N, C-alpha and C. Protein backbone atom coordinates (compact mmCIF):
# COMPACT_ATOMS: atom_id res chain seq x y z
N MET A 1 -26.79 -59.36 13.42
CA MET A 1 -26.93 -58.78 14.75
C MET A 1 -27.41 -59.85 15.73
N LYS A 2 -26.84 -59.84 16.93
CA LYS A 2 -27.24 -60.76 17.97
C LYS A 2 -28.72 -60.60 18.26
N GLN A 3 -29.41 -61.73 18.46
CA GLN A 3 -30.84 -61.68 18.70
C GLN A 3 -31.15 -61.42 20.17
N ALA A 4 -32.28 -60.78 20.39
CA ALA A 4 -32.71 -60.51 21.75
C ALA A 4 -33.15 -61.80 22.43
N SER A 5 -33.10 -61.80 23.76
CA SER A 5 -33.62 -62.92 24.52
C SER A 5 -35.13 -62.98 24.34
N PRO A 6 -35.74 -64.18 24.45
CA PRO A 6 -37.20 -64.27 24.37
C PRO A 6 -37.85 -63.34 25.38
N ARG A 7 -38.98 -62.76 25.03
CA ARG A 7 -39.67 -61.82 25.90
C ARG A 7 -41.16 -61.96 25.69
N ASN A 8 -41.91 -61.63 26.71
CA ASN A 8 -43.35 -61.83 26.69
C ASN A 8 -44.08 -60.57 27.14
N PHE A 9 -45.19 -60.28 26.48
CA PHE A 9 -46.01 -59.15 26.90
C PHE A 9 -46.74 -59.49 28.18
N THR A 10 -46.88 -58.50 29.04
CA THR A 10 -47.64 -58.68 30.27
C THR A 10 -48.24 -57.33 30.66
N THR A 11 -49.19 -57.33 31.56
CA THR A 11 -49.87 -56.11 31.98
C THR A 11 -49.43 -55.73 33.38
N SER A 12 -49.06 -54.46 33.55
CA SER A 12 -48.66 -53.97 34.87
C SER A 12 -49.89 -53.59 35.68
N SER A 13 -49.68 -53.24 36.94
CA SER A 13 -50.81 -53.06 37.86
C SER A 13 -51.72 -51.89 37.52
N ASP A 14 -51.24 -50.91 36.72
CA ASP A 14 -52.14 -49.81 36.33
C ASP A 14 -52.83 -50.09 35.00
N GLY A 15 -52.68 -51.33 34.51
CA GLY A 15 -53.35 -51.73 33.28
C GLY A 15 -52.57 -51.47 32.03
N SER A 16 -51.39 -50.87 32.15
CA SER A 16 -50.58 -50.56 30.97
C SER A 16 -49.63 -51.72 30.63
N LEU A 17 -49.18 -51.71 29.41
CA LEU A 17 -48.40 -52.82 28.85
C LEU A 17 -46.92 -52.73 29.22
N THR A 18 -46.34 -53.90 29.48
CA THR A 18 -44.89 -54.00 29.61
C THR A 18 -44.47 -55.35 29.04
N MET A 19 -43.17 -55.65 29.12
CA MET A 19 -42.67 -56.93 28.64
C MET A 19 -41.74 -57.51 29.70
N TRP A 20 -41.70 -58.83 29.74
CA TRP A 20 -40.84 -59.55 30.68
C TRP A 20 -39.81 -60.34 29.89
N VAL A 21 -38.54 -60.22 30.30
CA VAL A 21 -37.45 -60.96 29.68
C VAL A 21 -37.02 -62.05 30.66
N PRO A 22 -37.46 -63.30 30.46
CA PRO A 22 -37.18 -64.36 31.42
C PRO A 22 -35.69 -64.57 31.69
N LYS A 23 -34.86 -64.47 30.66
CA LYS A 23 -33.42 -64.72 30.83
C LYS A 23 -32.81 -63.76 31.83
N LEU A 24 -33.25 -62.50 31.84
CA LEU A 24 -32.73 -61.50 32.77
C LEU A 24 -33.59 -61.37 34.02
N ASP A 25 -34.78 -61.99 33.98
CA ASP A 25 -35.78 -61.82 35.03
C ASP A 25 -36.04 -60.33 35.27
N GLU A 26 -36.21 -59.61 34.17
CA GLU A 26 -36.43 -58.16 34.21
C GLU A 26 -37.63 -57.78 33.36
N HIS A 27 -38.36 -56.77 33.82
CA HIS A 27 -39.44 -56.20 33.02
C HIS A 27 -38.95 -54.91 32.36
N TYR A 28 -39.55 -54.56 31.22
CA TYR A 28 -39.19 -53.33 30.53
C TYR A 28 -39.61 -52.11 31.34
N HIS A 29 -40.66 -52.24 32.14
CA HIS A 29 -41.14 -51.14 32.97
C HIS A 29 -41.53 -51.70 34.33
N SER A 30 -41.91 -50.83 35.23
CA SER A 30 -42.34 -51.27 36.55
C SER A 30 -43.62 -52.10 36.46
N ILE A 31 -43.64 -53.24 37.14
CA ILE A 31 -44.86 -54.05 37.16
C ILE A 31 -45.92 -53.41 38.05
N HIS A 32 -45.52 -52.40 38.82
CA HIS A 32 -46.45 -51.68 39.69
C HIS A 32 -47.15 -50.54 38.94
N GLY A 33 -46.87 -50.44 37.65
CA GLY A 33 -47.52 -49.42 36.83
C GLY A 33 -46.56 -48.86 35.80
N ALA A 34 -46.55 -49.46 34.62
CA ALA A 34 -45.60 -49.05 33.58
C ALA A 34 -45.81 -47.59 33.19
N LYS A 35 -47.05 -47.24 32.87
CA LYS A 35 -47.35 -45.87 32.45
C LYS A 35 -47.13 -44.89 33.60
N THR A 36 -47.53 -45.29 34.80
CA THR A 36 -47.37 -44.43 35.97
C THR A 36 -45.91 -44.09 36.20
N GLU A 37 -45.04 -45.10 36.11
CA GLU A 37 -43.61 -44.87 36.31
C GLU A 37 -43.02 -43.99 35.21
N SER A 38 -43.36 -44.28 33.97
CA SER A 38 -42.82 -43.50 32.84
C SER A 38 -43.25 -42.04 32.93
N GLN A 39 -44.51 -41.82 33.28
CA GLN A 39 -45.02 -40.46 33.42
C GLN A 39 -44.25 -39.72 34.52
N HIS A 40 -44.06 -40.36 35.64
CA HIS A 40 -43.42 -39.74 36.80
C HIS A 40 -41.95 -39.43 36.54
N VAL A 41 -41.22 -40.43 36.03
CA VAL A 41 -39.77 -40.31 35.89
C VAL A 41 -39.37 -39.48 34.67
N PHE A 42 -39.92 -39.82 33.53
CA PHE A 42 -39.43 -39.25 32.29
C PHE A 42 -40.17 -37.99 31.82
N ILE A 43 -41.46 -37.93 32.07
CA ILE A 43 -42.22 -36.76 31.64
C ILE A 43 -42.23 -35.67 32.71
N ASP A 44 -42.71 -36.02 33.91
CA ASP A 44 -42.85 -35.01 34.97
C ASP A 44 -41.49 -34.50 35.47
N ALA A 45 -40.53 -35.42 35.66
CA ALA A 45 -39.21 -35.01 36.18
C ALA A 45 -38.22 -34.71 35.08
N GLY A 46 -38.56 -35.07 33.84
CA GLY A 46 -37.65 -34.87 32.73
C GLY A 46 -38.12 -33.80 31.76
N LEU A 47 -39.05 -34.16 30.90
CA LEU A 47 -39.52 -33.24 29.86
C LEU A 47 -40.03 -31.92 30.44
N ALA A 48 -40.79 -32.01 31.51
CA ALA A 48 -41.36 -30.80 32.10
C ALA A 48 -40.31 -29.88 32.72
N ALA A 49 -39.12 -30.43 32.98
CA ALA A 49 -38.05 -29.63 33.62
C ALA A 49 -37.19 -28.88 32.61
N ILE A 50 -37.37 -29.15 31.33
CA ILE A 50 -36.56 -28.51 30.29
C ILE A 50 -37.35 -27.35 29.70
N ASP A 51 -36.94 -26.15 30.04
CA ASP A 51 -37.67 -24.95 29.63
C ASP A 51 -37.14 -24.43 28.30
N LYS A 52 -37.43 -25.17 27.24
CA LYS A 52 -37.02 -24.78 25.90
C LYS A 52 -38.15 -25.08 24.92
N ASP A 53 -38.21 -24.32 23.85
CA ASP A 53 -39.24 -24.54 22.84
C ASP A 53 -38.91 -25.71 21.92
N ALA A 54 -37.62 -25.98 21.76
CA ALA A 54 -37.17 -27.11 20.95
C ALA A 54 -36.27 -27.97 21.82
N VAL A 55 -36.61 -29.25 21.96
CA VAL A 55 -35.91 -30.14 22.87
C VAL A 55 -35.41 -31.37 22.13
N SER A 56 -34.12 -31.64 22.28
CA SER A 56 -33.50 -32.82 21.69
C SER A 56 -33.35 -33.88 22.77
N ILE A 57 -33.94 -35.05 22.55
CA ILE A 57 -33.98 -36.11 23.57
C ILE A 57 -33.25 -37.36 23.08
N LEU A 58 -32.46 -37.92 23.97
CA LEU A 58 -31.85 -39.24 23.75
C LEU A 58 -32.52 -40.20 24.71
N GLU A 59 -33.08 -41.29 24.19
CA GLU A 59 -33.60 -42.34 25.06
C GLU A 59 -32.70 -43.55 24.99
N VAL A 60 -32.28 -44.03 26.15
CA VAL A 60 -31.50 -45.26 26.25
C VAL A 60 -32.46 -46.37 26.62
N GLY A 61 -32.82 -47.19 25.63
CA GLY A 61 -33.74 -48.29 25.86
C GLY A 61 -35.15 -47.97 25.42
N LEU A 62 -35.44 -48.06 24.12
CA LEU A 62 -36.76 -47.71 23.59
C LEU A 62 -37.84 -48.65 24.07
N GLY A 63 -37.51 -49.95 24.16
CA GLY A 63 -38.49 -50.93 24.64
C GLY A 63 -39.77 -50.95 23.85
N THR A 64 -40.89 -50.74 24.51
CA THR A 64 -42.20 -50.76 23.86
C THR A 64 -42.62 -49.39 23.37
N ALA A 65 -41.72 -48.42 23.41
CA ALA A 65 -41.97 -47.04 22.95
C ALA A 65 -42.94 -46.27 23.84
N LEU A 66 -43.12 -46.71 25.08
CA LEU A 66 -44.02 -46.02 25.99
C LEU A 66 -43.53 -44.61 26.29
N ASN A 67 -42.24 -44.46 26.59
CA ASN A 67 -41.72 -43.12 26.90
C ASN A 67 -41.85 -42.18 25.71
N ALA A 68 -41.59 -42.71 24.51
CA ALA A 68 -41.70 -41.90 23.30
C ALA A 68 -43.15 -41.48 23.07
N LYS A 69 -44.07 -42.41 23.29
CA LYS A 69 -45.49 -42.09 23.10
C LYS A 69 -45.94 -40.99 24.06
N LEU A 70 -45.59 -41.13 25.34
CA LEU A 70 -46.00 -40.12 26.32
C LEU A 70 -45.38 -38.76 25.99
N THR A 71 -44.13 -38.78 25.54
CA THR A 71 -43.47 -37.53 25.15
C THR A 71 -44.19 -36.87 23.98
N MET A 72 -44.54 -37.67 23.00
CA MET A 72 -45.22 -37.15 21.82
C MET A 72 -46.59 -36.59 22.19
N GLU A 73 -47.30 -37.27 23.07
CA GLU A 73 -48.65 -36.85 23.44
C GLU A 73 -48.66 -35.62 24.34
N GLN A 74 -47.57 -35.42 25.10
CA GLN A 74 -47.57 -34.34 26.09
C GLN A 74 -46.51 -33.28 25.82
N LYS A 75 -46.07 -33.20 24.59
CA LYS A 75 -45.04 -32.23 24.25
C LYS A 75 -45.55 -30.79 24.23
N GLY A 76 -46.85 -30.62 24.15
CA GLY A 76 -47.40 -29.28 24.07
C GLY A 76 -46.92 -28.57 22.83
N ASP A 77 -46.42 -27.34 23.00
CA ASP A 77 -45.93 -26.56 21.86
C ASP A 77 -44.46 -26.81 21.56
N LYS A 78 -43.83 -27.69 22.33
CA LYS A 78 -42.41 -27.98 22.11
C LYS A 78 -42.21 -28.74 20.80
N ALA A 79 -41.10 -28.44 20.13
CA ALA A 79 -40.67 -29.23 18.98
C ALA A 79 -39.69 -30.26 19.52
N ILE A 80 -39.96 -31.53 19.28
CA ILE A 80 -39.15 -32.61 19.86
C ILE A 80 -38.36 -33.33 18.76
N ASP A 81 -37.06 -33.46 19.00
CA ASP A 81 -36.19 -34.27 18.15
C ASP A 81 -35.77 -35.46 19.02
N TYR A 82 -36.30 -36.63 18.74
CA TYR A 82 -36.20 -37.80 19.62
C TYR A 82 -35.31 -38.87 18.98
N TYR A 83 -34.23 -39.21 19.68
CA TYR A 83 -33.28 -40.21 19.17
C TYR A 83 -33.24 -41.35 20.18
N ALA A 84 -33.59 -42.55 19.75
CA ALA A 84 -33.67 -43.69 20.66
C ALA A 84 -32.61 -44.74 20.34
N LEU A 85 -31.96 -45.23 21.40
CA LEU A 85 -31.02 -46.34 21.28
C LEU A 85 -31.71 -47.62 21.76
N GLU A 86 -31.75 -48.62 20.90
CA GLU A 86 -32.34 -49.91 21.28
C GLU A 86 -31.63 -51.01 20.48
N LYS A 87 -30.75 -51.73 21.17
CA LYS A 87 -29.97 -52.76 20.49
C LYS A 87 -30.85 -53.89 19.96
N PHE A 88 -31.93 -54.17 20.69
CA PHE A 88 -32.82 -55.26 20.30
C PHE A 88 -34.25 -54.75 20.10
N PRO A 89 -34.51 -54.05 18.99
CA PRO A 89 -35.85 -53.52 18.77
C PRO A 89 -36.87 -54.64 18.61
N LEU A 90 -38.12 -54.31 18.86
CA LEU A 90 -39.17 -55.31 18.72
C LEU A 90 -39.27 -55.80 17.28
N SER A 91 -39.61 -57.05 17.13
CA SER A 91 -39.75 -57.67 15.82
C SER A 91 -41.06 -57.24 15.17
N PRO A 92 -41.19 -57.41 13.86
CA PRO A 92 -42.46 -57.08 13.20
C PRO A 92 -43.66 -57.79 13.82
N SER A 93 -43.48 -59.04 14.24
CA SER A 93 -44.61 -59.77 14.84
C SER A 93 -44.96 -59.18 16.21
N GLU A 94 -43.95 -58.76 16.96
CA GLU A 94 -44.21 -58.14 18.27
C GLU A 94 -44.89 -56.78 18.09
N ILE A 95 -44.46 -56.03 17.09
CA ILE A 95 -45.09 -54.73 16.81
C ILE A 95 -46.55 -54.93 16.41
N SER A 96 -46.80 -55.97 15.60
CA SER A 96 -48.19 -56.27 15.20
C SER A 96 -49.04 -56.63 16.40
N GLU A 97 -48.44 -57.38 17.33
CA GLU A 97 -49.18 -57.76 18.54
C GLU A 97 -49.50 -56.55 19.38
N ILE A 98 -48.54 -55.62 19.50
CA ILE A 98 -48.79 -54.39 20.24
C ILE A 98 -49.95 -53.61 19.62
N LYS A 99 -49.98 -53.56 18.30
CA LYS A 99 -51.06 -52.85 17.61
C LYS A 99 -52.40 -53.53 17.86
N GLU A 100 -52.40 -54.87 17.81
CA GLU A 100 -53.64 -55.63 18.04
C GLU A 100 -54.15 -55.46 19.46
N LEU A 101 -53.24 -55.19 20.39
CA LEU A 101 -53.62 -54.98 21.78
C LEU A 101 -54.14 -53.56 22.02
N GLY A 102 -54.16 -52.76 20.97
CA GLY A 102 -54.73 -51.42 21.05
C GLY A 102 -53.74 -50.29 21.23
N HIS A 103 -52.44 -50.61 21.12
CA HIS A 103 -51.41 -49.59 21.32
C HIS A 103 -50.89 -49.12 19.95
N GLU A 104 -51.75 -48.45 19.22
CA GLU A 104 -51.43 -48.07 17.85
C GLU A 104 -50.33 -47.01 17.77
N THR A 105 -50.31 -46.08 18.70
CA THR A 105 -49.27 -45.04 18.67
C THR A 105 -47.90 -45.65 18.87
N GLU A 106 -47.77 -46.55 19.85
CA GLU A 106 -46.50 -47.21 20.07
C GLU A 106 -46.08 -48.01 18.83
N ALA A 107 -47.03 -48.70 18.23
CA ALA A 107 -46.74 -49.49 17.04
C ALA A 107 -46.25 -48.60 15.90
N GLN A 108 -46.84 -47.42 15.77
CA GLN A 108 -46.41 -46.48 14.73
C GLN A 108 -44.96 -46.06 14.94
N ILE A 109 -44.62 -45.75 16.18
CA ILE A 109 -43.24 -45.34 16.50
C ILE A 109 -42.28 -46.50 16.28
N LEU A 110 -42.66 -47.67 16.77
CA LEU A 110 -41.80 -48.85 16.65
C LEU A 110 -41.60 -49.28 15.20
N GLY A 111 -42.53 -48.87 14.34
CA GLY A 111 -42.44 -49.25 12.93
C GLY A 111 -41.47 -48.43 12.11
N VAL A 112 -40.90 -47.37 12.71
CA VAL A 112 -39.91 -46.56 12.01
C VAL A 112 -38.61 -47.35 11.90
N ALA A 113 -38.12 -47.53 10.69
CA ALA A 113 -36.93 -48.34 10.46
C ALA A 113 -35.68 -47.68 11.05
N PRO A 114 -34.76 -48.46 11.60
CA PRO A 114 -33.52 -47.89 12.15
C PRO A 114 -32.80 -47.02 11.13
N GLY A 115 -32.35 -45.85 11.56
CA GLY A 115 -31.60 -44.96 10.69
C GLY A 115 -32.45 -44.05 9.83
N GLU A 116 -33.76 -44.21 9.87
CA GLU A 116 -34.66 -43.38 9.06
C GLU A 116 -35.39 -42.38 9.95
N LYS A 117 -35.00 -41.14 9.90
CA LYS A 117 -35.64 -40.11 10.70
C LYS A 117 -37.02 -39.81 10.13
N GLN A 118 -38.02 -39.79 10.99
CA GLN A 118 -39.39 -39.61 10.51
C GLN A 118 -40.15 -38.65 11.42
N GLU A 119 -40.94 -37.78 10.81
CA GLU A 119 -41.82 -36.91 11.57
C GLU A 119 -43.12 -37.67 11.82
N VAL A 120 -43.27 -38.21 13.02
CA VAL A 120 -44.42 -39.05 13.34
C VAL A 120 -45.70 -38.22 13.39
N ILE A 121 -45.62 -37.07 14.03
CA ILE A 121 -46.67 -36.05 14.00
C ILE A 121 -45.95 -34.71 13.86
N PRO A 122 -46.65 -33.65 13.48
CA PRO A 122 -45.96 -32.35 13.38
C PRO A 122 -45.29 -31.98 14.70
N GLY A 123 -44.01 -31.66 14.62
CA GLY A 123 -43.27 -31.26 15.80
C GLY A 123 -42.65 -32.40 16.58
N PHE A 124 -42.73 -33.63 16.06
CA PHE A 124 -42.12 -34.77 16.74
C PHE A 124 -41.35 -35.61 15.72
N GLN A 125 -40.04 -35.39 15.71
CA GLN A 125 -39.14 -36.15 14.83
C GLN A 125 -38.58 -37.34 15.61
N PHE A 126 -38.58 -38.51 14.98
CA PHE A 126 -38.11 -39.73 15.67
C PHE A 126 -37.09 -40.47 14.81
N GLU A 127 -36.04 -40.94 15.49
CA GLU A 127 -35.03 -41.76 14.83
C GLU A 127 -34.58 -42.85 15.79
N LEU A 128 -34.40 -44.06 15.26
CA LEU A 128 -33.97 -45.21 16.05
C LEU A 128 -32.58 -45.66 15.62
N SER A 129 -31.75 -45.98 16.60
CA SER A 129 -30.44 -46.58 16.34
C SER A 129 -30.35 -47.90 17.10
N THR A 130 -29.79 -48.93 16.47
CA THR A 130 -29.59 -50.22 17.13
C THR A 130 -28.15 -50.38 17.63
N LYS A 131 -27.44 -49.27 17.72
CA LYS A 131 -26.07 -49.31 18.22
C LYS A 131 -26.05 -49.70 19.69
N ASP A 132 -25.06 -50.49 20.06
CA ASP A 132 -24.85 -50.87 21.46
C ASP A 132 -24.52 -49.61 22.26
N LEU A 133 -25.12 -49.46 23.44
CA LEU A 133 -24.88 -48.29 24.27
C LEU A 133 -23.39 -48.12 24.57
N ARG A 134 -22.68 -49.22 24.72
CA ARG A 134 -21.25 -49.16 25.04
C ARG A 134 -20.42 -48.61 23.90
N GLU A 135 -21.01 -48.52 22.71
CA GLU A 135 -20.31 -48.00 21.54
C GLU A 135 -20.83 -46.62 21.15
N PHE A 136 -21.74 -46.09 21.94
CA PHE A 136 -22.36 -44.81 21.60
C PHE A 136 -21.59 -43.65 22.22
N ALA A 137 -21.24 -42.69 21.40
CA ALA A 137 -20.60 -41.46 21.87
C ALA A 137 -20.81 -40.39 20.80
N VAL A 138 -20.83 -39.14 21.20
CA VAL A 138 -20.96 -38.04 20.24
C VAL A 138 -19.75 -37.13 20.35
N GLU A 139 -19.40 -36.50 19.22
CA GLU A 139 -18.22 -35.63 19.21
C GLU A 139 -18.50 -34.28 19.88
N THR A 140 -19.72 -33.80 19.72
CA THR A 140 -20.09 -32.53 20.35
C THR A 140 -21.44 -32.69 21.04
N PRO A 141 -21.67 -31.97 22.14
CA PRO A 141 -22.94 -32.07 22.85
C PRO A 141 -24.12 -31.75 21.93
N LYS A 142 -25.21 -32.52 22.06
CA LYS A 142 -26.35 -32.29 21.17
C LYS A 142 -27.72 -32.53 21.80
N PHE A 143 -27.77 -33.07 23.02
CA PHE A 143 -29.06 -33.40 23.63
C PHE A 143 -29.36 -32.49 24.83
N ASP A 144 -30.65 -32.16 24.97
CA ASP A 144 -31.11 -31.39 26.13
C ASP A 144 -31.53 -32.31 27.27
N LEU A 145 -31.90 -33.53 26.93
CA LEU A 145 -32.49 -34.43 27.92
C LEU A 145 -32.18 -35.87 27.55
N ILE A 146 -31.82 -36.67 28.55
CA ILE A 146 -31.58 -38.10 28.35
C ILE A 146 -32.53 -38.88 29.24
N TYR A 147 -33.31 -39.78 28.62
CA TYR A 147 -34.10 -40.75 29.35
C TYR A 147 -33.23 -41.99 29.49
N PHE A 148 -32.68 -42.23 30.68
CA PHE A 148 -31.82 -43.39 30.86
C PHE A 148 -32.67 -44.53 31.42
N ASP A 149 -33.13 -45.40 30.52
CA ASP A 149 -34.11 -46.44 30.86
C ASP A 149 -33.57 -47.83 30.56
N ALA A 150 -32.27 -48.03 30.81
CA ALA A 150 -31.66 -49.34 30.62
C ALA A 150 -32.15 -50.30 31.70
N PHE A 151 -31.95 -51.60 31.47
CA PHE A 151 -32.27 -52.58 32.51
C PHE A 151 -31.45 -52.27 33.76
N ALA A 152 -31.93 -52.72 34.90
CA ALA A 152 -31.33 -52.40 36.19
C ALA A 152 -29.86 -52.82 36.28
N PRO A 153 -29.07 -52.13 37.10
CA PRO A 153 -27.65 -52.49 37.27
C PRO A 153 -27.44 -53.93 37.70
N SER A 154 -28.38 -54.49 38.43
CA SER A 154 -28.25 -55.89 38.86
C SER A 154 -28.32 -56.85 37.68
N ALA A 155 -29.01 -56.45 36.61
CA ALA A 155 -29.16 -57.31 35.43
C ALA A 155 -28.09 -57.04 34.39
N GLN A 156 -27.75 -55.76 34.17
CA GLN A 156 -26.75 -55.38 33.17
C GLN A 156 -25.84 -54.29 33.73
N PRO A 157 -24.95 -54.66 34.65
CA PRO A 157 -24.08 -53.65 35.28
C PRO A 157 -23.19 -52.92 34.30
N GLU A 158 -22.86 -53.54 33.16
CA GLU A 158 -21.98 -52.91 32.18
C GLU A 158 -22.60 -51.66 31.55
N LEU A 159 -23.92 -51.50 31.68
CA LEU A 159 -24.59 -50.33 31.11
C LEU A 159 -24.66 -49.16 32.09
N TRP A 160 -24.09 -49.34 33.28
CA TRP A 160 -24.14 -48.30 34.31
C TRP A 160 -22.72 -47.93 34.76
N SER A 161 -21.77 -48.05 33.88
CA SER A 161 -20.37 -47.82 34.21
C SER A 161 -20.01 -46.34 34.15
N GLU A 162 -18.82 -46.01 34.67
CA GLU A 162 -18.36 -44.62 34.62
C GLU A 162 -18.17 -44.16 33.18
N GLN A 163 -17.70 -45.05 32.31
CA GLN A 163 -17.51 -44.67 30.91
C GLN A 163 -18.84 -44.34 30.24
N ILE A 164 -19.87 -45.14 30.53
CA ILE A 164 -21.20 -44.87 29.97
C ILE A 164 -21.69 -43.49 30.41
N PHE A 165 -21.57 -43.19 31.69
CA PHE A 165 -22.06 -41.90 32.17
C PHE A 165 -21.18 -40.74 31.72
N GLN A 166 -19.90 -41.01 31.49
CA GLN A 166 -19.06 -39.96 30.90
C GLN A 166 -19.55 -39.62 29.50
N ASN A 167 -19.91 -40.66 28.73
CA ASN A 167 -20.45 -40.45 27.39
C ASN A 167 -21.79 -39.72 27.43
N MET A 168 -22.62 -40.05 28.43
CA MET A 168 -23.91 -39.37 28.58
C MET A 168 -23.69 -37.90 28.92
N TYR A 169 -22.76 -37.64 29.82
CA TYR A 169 -22.45 -36.25 30.20
C TYR A 169 -21.95 -35.47 28.99
N ASN A 170 -21.06 -36.08 28.22
CA ASN A 170 -20.51 -35.41 27.03
C ASN A 170 -21.58 -35.15 25.98
N ALA A 171 -22.60 -35.99 25.94
CA ALA A 171 -23.65 -35.85 24.93
C ALA A 171 -24.65 -34.75 25.25
N LEU A 172 -24.70 -34.34 26.52
CA LEU A 172 -25.66 -33.31 26.93
C LEU A 172 -25.15 -31.90 26.66
N LEU A 173 -26.06 -31.04 26.27
CA LEU A 173 -25.76 -29.62 26.17
C LEU A 173 -25.71 -29.03 27.58
N PRO A 174 -24.99 -27.94 27.80
CA PRO A 174 -25.00 -27.29 29.11
C PRO A 174 -26.43 -26.95 29.52
N GLY A 175 -26.77 -27.26 30.76
CA GLY A 175 -28.13 -27.04 31.22
C GLY A 175 -29.04 -28.23 30.98
N GLY A 176 -28.50 -29.27 30.37
CA GLY A 176 -29.28 -30.47 30.09
C GLY A 176 -29.34 -31.41 31.28
N ALA A 177 -30.26 -32.38 31.21
CA ALA A 177 -30.47 -33.29 32.33
C ALA A 177 -30.61 -34.73 31.88
N LEU A 178 -30.23 -35.63 32.77
CA LEU A 178 -30.47 -37.07 32.60
C LEU A 178 -31.41 -37.50 33.71
N VAL A 179 -32.45 -38.25 33.36
CA VAL A 179 -33.37 -38.78 34.36
C VAL A 179 -33.42 -40.29 34.26
N THR A 180 -33.51 -40.94 35.42
CA THR A 180 -33.59 -42.39 35.47
C THR A 180 -34.37 -42.83 36.70
N TYR A 181 -34.98 -43.99 36.59
CA TYR A 181 -35.71 -44.57 37.72
C TYR A 181 -34.77 -45.04 38.81
N CYS A 182 -33.50 -45.29 38.47
CA CYS A 182 -32.55 -45.88 39.40
C CYS A 182 -32.03 -44.84 40.40
N ALA A 183 -31.95 -45.24 41.67
CA ALA A 183 -31.46 -44.33 42.70
C ALA A 183 -30.39 -44.99 43.58
N LYS A 184 -29.74 -46.01 43.05
CA LYS A 184 -28.70 -46.70 43.83
C LYS A 184 -27.54 -45.76 44.12
N GLY A 185 -26.99 -45.87 45.31
CA GLY A 185 -25.91 -45.00 45.71
C GLY A 185 -24.71 -45.07 44.80
N VAL A 186 -24.35 -46.28 44.36
CA VAL A 186 -23.18 -46.43 43.50
C VAL A 186 -23.40 -45.75 42.16
N VAL A 187 -24.64 -45.76 41.66
CA VAL A 187 -24.95 -45.09 40.39
C VAL A 187 -24.83 -43.58 40.55
N LYS A 188 -25.36 -43.05 41.63
CA LYS A 188 -25.28 -41.61 41.86
C LYS A 188 -23.83 -41.16 42.07
N ARG A 189 -23.04 -41.97 42.74
CA ARG A 189 -21.63 -41.62 42.92
C ARG A 189 -20.88 -41.64 41.59
N THR A 190 -21.24 -42.59 40.73
CA THR A 190 -20.62 -42.66 39.41
C THR A 190 -20.98 -41.43 38.58
N MET A 191 -22.22 -41.01 38.64
CA MET A 191 -22.65 -39.80 37.93
C MET A 191 -21.88 -38.58 38.43
N LYS A 192 -21.75 -38.45 39.73
CA LYS A 192 -21.03 -37.30 40.30
C LYS A 192 -19.57 -37.31 39.87
N ALA A 193 -18.99 -38.51 39.76
CA ALA A 193 -17.57 -38.63 39.41
C ALA A 193 -17.26 -38.08 38.02
N VAL A 194 -18.25 -38.10 37.12
CA VAL A 194 -18.00 -37.61 35.76
C VAL A 194 -18.46 -36.16 35.58
N GLY A 195 -18.99 -35.54 36.65
CA GLY A 195 -19.32 -34.12 36.57
C GLY A 195 -20.78 -33.75 36.75
N PHE A 196 -21.67 -34.75 36.84
CA PHE A 196 -23.09 -34.44 37.01
C PHE A 196 -23.38 -33.82 38.37
N GLU A 197 -24.35 -32.91 38.39
CA GLU A 197 -24.92 -32.41 39.64
C GLU A 197 -26.17 -33.26 39.89
N VAL A 198 -26.12 -34.10 40.89
CA VAL A 198 -27.14 -35.13 41.08
C VAL A 198 -28.14 -34.74 42.16
N GLU A 199 -29.41 -34.96 41.86
CA GLU A 199 -30.44 -34.75 42.87
C GLU A 199 -31.35 -35.98 42.97
N ALA A 200 -31.71 -36.32 44.21
CA ALA A 200 -32.66 -37.40 44.45
C ALA A 200 -34.06 -36.81 44.53
N LEU A 201 -34.97 -37.39 43.77
CA LEU A 201 -36.36 -36.94 43.76
C LEU A 201 -37.26 -38.06 44.25
N PRO A 202 -38.45 -37.75 44.75
CA PRO A 202 -39.38 -38.81 45.13
C PRO A 202 -39.65 -39.74 43.95
N GLY A 203 -39.68 -41.03 44.22
CA GLY A 203 -39.86 -42.00 43.15
C GLY A 203 -41.32 -42.29 42.83
N PRO A 204 -41.54 -43.09 41.79
CA PRO A 204 -42.89 -43.52 41.45
C PRO A 204 -43.37 -44.56 42.47
N PRO A 205 -44.60 -45.06 42.34
CA PRO A 205 -45.11 -46.04 43.30
C PRO A 205 -44.15 -47.21 43.53
N ARG A 206 -43.97 -47.56 44.78
CA ARG A 206 -43.12 -48.66 45.25
C ARG A 206 -41.63 -48.36 45.15
N LYS A 207 -41.27 -47.14 44.78
CA LYS A 207 -39.86 -46.75 44.75
C LYS A 207 -39.71 -45.45 45.55
N ARG A 208 -38.80 -45.48 46.52
CA ARG A 208 -38.65 -44.31 47.40
C ARG A 208 -38.09 -43.11 46.66
N GLU A 209 -37.12 -43.36 45.76
CA GLU A 209 -36.45 -42.27 45.06
C GLU A 209 -36.22 -42.58 43.59
N MET A 210 -35.96 -41.54 42.83
CA MET A 210 -35.46 -41.62 41.46
C MET A 210 -34.33 -40.60 41.38
N THR A 211 -33.69 -40.52 40.22
CA THR A 211 -32.53 -39.62 40.09
C THR A 211 -32.66 -38.71 38.89
N ARG A 212 -32.32 -37.43 39.13
CA ARG A 212 -32.15 -36.48 38.03
C ARG A 212 -30.76 -35.88 38.15
N ALA A 213 -30.03 -35.88 37.06
CA ALA A 213 -28.65 -35.39 37.06
C ALA A 213 -28.49 -34.30 36.01
N TRP A 214 -27.92 -33.17 36.41
CA TRP A 214 -27.80 -32.00 35.54
C TRP A 214 -26.36 -31.80 35.07
N LYS A 215 -26.23 -31.29 33.86
CA LYS A 215 -24.94 -30.81 33.38
C LYS A 215 -24.99 -29.28 33.45
N ARG A 216 -24.35 -28.72 34.46
CA ARG A 216 -24.43 -27.27 34.67
C ARG A 216 -23.32 -26.54 33.90
């Protein structure tokens, strides 16, 4: 498997952990507050909007497992089936460093081997796939919610194509939603072109808007 570009741990403005990829000049999360952004975009606008007792989630871009951790901690009485796509998962040494920095929950999630479904805590099933997003598709809809947390279109435009969003739309169950930090006009138009009902929501700190797209 192709190796990931070198990356370095860094701290965002709210004190939470993120990583910087020098080759792409991109951070895994907002430098203005990694946890703040994840909470706002994926939990408050995503998980909280799905009114079901059992929720199947697809995450595009596991990264440091921050979104998975917040989901696990704030799932309430929901049963969560969490499937994460991450072509370049963190290495054992990076996972050890995350644990040493005090992020034991993230390290526990990141330690689940690809392809091995594991119940991390009661009611939270987790599975990791290292499949390339461009090769990911499902035969029948299976997800209630998609956390679309890929690197920005400016860094990896191939991950924001019409074909990708068609696959995301096909993967969602009716009534399901996709949430992302990105609010670029071209991205929203692409989502609409494949059938999504798109809404612009207030964004996290330093971002005017975010996007939530529904499969009605």
